[in-house]
Each structure stands twice: as C-alpha cells, then as structure tokens.
Protein backbone atom coordinates (compact mmCIF):
# COMPACT_ATOMS: atom_id res chain seq x y z
CA UNK A 1 0.00 0.00 0.00
CA UNK A 2 1.44 3.38 -0.98
CA UNK A 3 1.78 6.28 1.41
CA UNK A 4 -0.85 9.01 1.32
CA UNK A 5 0.12 11.99 -0.82
CA UNK A 6 -1.62 14.36 1.61
CA UNK A 7 -1.20 17.11 2.38
CA UNK A 8 -1.04 18.41 -1.21
CA UNK A 9 0.18 21.91 -2.05
CA UNK A 10 -1.22 24.18 -4.73
CA UNK A 11 -1.54 27.75 -5.84
CA UNK A 12 -1.77 30.28 -8.61
CA UNK A 13 0.67 30.97 -11.45
CA UNK A 14 2.39 33.95 -9.82
CA UNK A 15 2.64 32.05 -6.50
CA UNK A 16 1.07 34.90 -4.50
CA UNK A 17 -1.74 32.59 -3.33
CA UNK A 18 -0.68 29.22 -2.01
CA UNK A 19 -2.84 26.64 -0.29
CA UNK A 20 -2.54 23.19 1.21
CA UNK A 21 -5.18 20.49 0.91
CA UNK A 22 -4.71 18.82 4.30
CA UNK A 23 -6.64 15.59 3.59
CA UNK A 24 -8.15 13.58 0.82
CA UNK A 25 -11.11 15.43 -0.69
CA UNK A 26 -14.69 14.28 -0.28
CA UNK A 27 -14.97 13.48 -3.99
CA UNK A 28 -13.57 14.59 -7.35
CA UNK A 29 -15.90 15.64 -10.20
CA UNK A 30 -14.98 15.95 -13.83
CA UNK A 31 -17.77 18.17 -15.14
CA UNK A 32 -18.46 18.26 -18.87
CA UNK A 33 -21.33 20.78 -18.80
CA UNK A 34 -21.22 23.65 -21.27
CA UNK A 35 -21.01 26.15 -18.42
CA UNK A 36 -17.79 24.58 -17.08
CA UNK A 37 -16.43 24.37 -20.62
CA UNK A 38 -17.00 28.09 -21.08
CA UNK A 39 -15.61 29.07 -17.66
CA UNK A 40 -12.49 26.94 -17.97
CA UNK A 41 -11.94 27.52 -21.68
CA UNK A 42 -11.38 23.77 -21.88
CA UNK A 43 -13.38 20.58 -22.43
CA UNK A 44 -14.26 20.11 -18.76
CA UNK A 45 -13.58 21.29 -15.22
CA UNK A 46 -11.94 19.02 -12.67
CA UNK A 47 -12.91 19.92 -9.10
CA UNK A 48 -11.96 18.28 -5.80
CA UNK A 49 -14.64 18.89 -3.16
CA UNK A 50 -13.18 19.45 0.31
CA UNK A 51 -14.26 21.03 3.55
CA UNK A 52 -13.00 24.62 3.65
CA UNK A 53 -11.43 24.07 7.06
CA UNK A 54 -9.27 21.32 5.52
CA UNK A 55 -7.90 23.82 2.99
CA UNK A 56 -5.14 25.88 4.59
CA UNK A 57 -4.42 29.22 2.99
CA UNK A 58 -0.74 30.07 2.68
CA UNK A 59 0.23 33.39 1.19
CA UNK A 60 -2.08 36.10 -0.06
CA UNK A 61 -5.82 36.04 0.49
CA UNK A 62 -7.65 35.36 -2.81
CA UNK A 63 -10.35 37.67 -4.07
CA UNK A 64 -13.84 36.17 -3.96
CA UNK A 65 -15.67 36.94 -7.20
CA UNK A 66 -19.45 36.46 -7.46
CA UNK A 67 -20.30 34.91 -10.81
CA UNK A 68 -23.44 33.48 -12.38
CA UNK A 69 -23.92 29.73 -12.69
CA UNK A 70 -26.09 27.43 -14.76
CA UNK A 71 -28.30 26.78 -11.71
CA UNK A 72 -29.11 30.48 -11.49
CA UNK A 73 -27.93 30.53 -7.85
CA UNK A 74 -24.40 31.71 -8.63
CA UNK A 75 -21.00 30.72 -7.37
CA UNK A 76 -18.15 32.48 -5.62
CA UNK A 77 -14.78 31.94 -7.27
CA UNK A 78 -11.57 32.42 -5.27
CA UNK A 79 -9.07 34.09 -7.63
CA UNK A 80 -5.55 35.41 -7.20
CA UNK A 81 -5.71 39.20 -7.11
CA UNK A 82 -2.59 39.46 -9.29
CA UNK A 83 -2.64 36.71 -11.92
CA UNK A 84 -6.45 36.11 -11.73
CA UNK A 85 -6.16 32.29 -11.69
CA UNK A 86 -9.29 30.57 -10.33
CA UNK A 87 -8.25 28.36 -7.40
CA UNK A 88 -11.55 27.12 -6.01
CA UNK A 89 -15.26 27.87 -5.97
CA UNK A 90 -18.07 27.88 -3.45
CA UNK A 91 -21.39 26.93 -5.00
CA UNK A 92 -24.63 28.05 -3.40
CA UNK A 93 -25.81 24.47 -2.84
CA UNK A 94 -22.76 23.55 -0.73
CA UNK A 95 -22.11 27.01 0.68
CA UNK A 96 -18.85 28.42 2.03
CA UNK A 97 -18.01 25.30 4.04
CA UNK A 98 -17.10 23.29 0.92
CA UNK A 99 -14.46 24.37 -1.57
CA UNK A 100 -14.45 22.99 -5.12
CA UNK A 101 -10.67 23.10 -5.67
CA UNK A 102 -9.49 23.33 -9.27
CA UNK A 103 -7.34 20.20 -9.43
CA UNK A 104 -5.11 21.77 -12.10
CA UNK A 105 -3.91 24.34 -9.53
CA UNK A 106 -2.31 21.62 -7.40
CA UNK A 107 1.46 21.24 -7.68
CA UNK A 108 0.88 17.51 -8.21
CA UNK A 109 -2.57 17.19 -9.79
CA UNK A 110 -1.93 13.59 -10.86
CA UNK A 111 -2.92 12.45 -7.36
CA UNK A 112 -6.60 13.38 -7.92
CA UNK A 113 -8.13 11.69 -10.95
CA UNK A 114 -11.91 12.02 -11.23
CA UNK A 115 -14.19 9.78 -9.19
CA UNK A 116 -17.04 10.52 -11.60
CA UNK A 117 -17.66 12.22 -14.94
CA UNK A 118 -20.79 14.35 -14.81
CA UNK A 119 -22.94 16.08 -17.43
CA UNK A 120 -21.50 13.82 -20.10
CA UNK A 121 -24.55 14.49 -22.30
CA UNK A 122 -22.78 17.74 -23.26
CA UNK A 123 -19.19 16.50 -23.29
CA UNK A 124 -17.10 17.17 -26.34
CA UNK A 125 -17.54 14.19 -28.69
CA UNK A 126 -13.80 13.64 -29.06
CA UNK A 127 -13.27 13.30 -25.28
CA UNK A 128 -12.94 9.60 -24.49
CA UNK A 129 -13.96 8.61 -20.98
CA UNK A 130 -11.89 5.98 -19.20
CA UNK A 131 -13.54 2.63 -18.58
CA UNK A 132 -14.09 1.90 -14.91
CA UNK A 133 -14.83 5.49 -13.87
CA UNK A 134 -18.54 6.20 -13.39
CA UNK A 135 -20.04 8.56 -15.97
CA UNK A 136 -23.54 10.04 -15.92
CA UNK A 137 -25.49 12.12 -18.41
CA UNK A 138 -26.27 14.79 -15.82
CA UNK A 139 -25.74 14.60 -12.05
CA UNK A 140 -25.44 11.49 -9.87
CA UNK A 141 -26.72 9.91 -6.69
CA UNK A 142 -24.23 10.95 -4.01
CA UNK A 143 -25.36 8.20 -1.64
CA UNK A 144 -24.57 5.59 -4.27
CA UNK A 145 -21.14 6.87 -5.37
CA UNK A 146 -19.48 8.66 -2.45
CA UNK A 147 -17.39 6.55 -0.06
CA UNK A 148 -18.92 6.05 3.40
CA UNK A 149 -16.32 8.25 5.11
CA UNK A 150 -17.06 11.12 2.71
CA UNK A 151 -20.79 10.78 3.39
CA UNK A 152 -20.04 10.91 7.13
CA UNK A 153 -17.91 14.03 6.65
CA UNK A 154 -20.76 15.62 4.66
CA UNK A 155 -23.24 14.78 7.41
CA UNK A 156 -20.91 16.44 9.96
CA UNK A 157 -20.91 19.59 7.80
CA UNK A 158 -24.68 19.58 7.59
CA UNK A 159 -25.02 19.04 11.34
CA UNK A 160 -22.70 21.99 11.98
CA UNK A 161 -24.80 24.14 9.64
CA UNK A 162 -28.02 23.14 11.42
CA UNK A 163 -26.46 23.93 14.81
CA UNK A 164 -25.84 27.55 13.80
C-alpha cells in the first residue's frame, strides 16, 4: 500500500496565493457541462470537493468573485488578485463550508483523478472517458457513489450548519 500523498500543495501561477489540501477530498468531479467548458476555456472542469477548514491558505488572500452559474444561484470563485487564476469555488448548494478546488492548480494534480464524470450528455464528442470510472449524463446519486467516510464528513458539515 502506498503512502498518502496528503497534504497536497497548490496555488496560482504567480505564486502569491498558495494553499494546502490537508486531507483527501470528499470526492472529485470531472464536469463536462457547457457552463464549465465556457468558464475553464477547456473541455471540462476538474474539481476536488473538500471542507473549507481542511484547505489551509498560505500566502495572499484570494479575491472572492461572485459569478453566475447554470443553476441560477451563482458561485463564488476564489481568484488570485494578481494573476487572476481561479483556485476554487463555493457553489450556493454547498455554501462556504465546501471548496471545489481546481485540481489543475495543485502542484501535483496527478494524485486526484476524477471519481465521476458528470454532465456527459454535453461533453465534447472527441473526449474519451476511461472505462471503470462512473459517468452520468447529468448529475449522480451521491449516496450511491461517495465513499462512506465522505458521506459521514458531509453529514458532519450539515449538522454543523443546522447547529448555527
């Protein structure tokens, strides 16, 4: 069994904003929706969902930019104030307690391949999905795909939110 790669370091291009992902994320999405294609300027967005308190900021504070989203509820994107690289997002459904870290901003992104491909109905036709990784036309059933420990971590987040 190999040693855990965590914590993992990441940051922006100019290195003003640095962060450390302290633990394994809850789950990793590879989203092929048209909205993510437009925002990333690529064929998909690869996001690692992690509790915000497991993401340690090192260096400059990113700017939080309110942007629209396909859901109509918006998202808040954490961007470097200098080089403008998007580092993570907070979506309205998950709130500020969960960061959707852009896997490509990690120093060693190879450690976080996708756990699921989502919104594949709108994926680019030349993108070939790997066999063995779940792929769904739109969104998925979290209770079916997330590992038990990630579901427990999510429940702890929800309990903390209810307690406020």
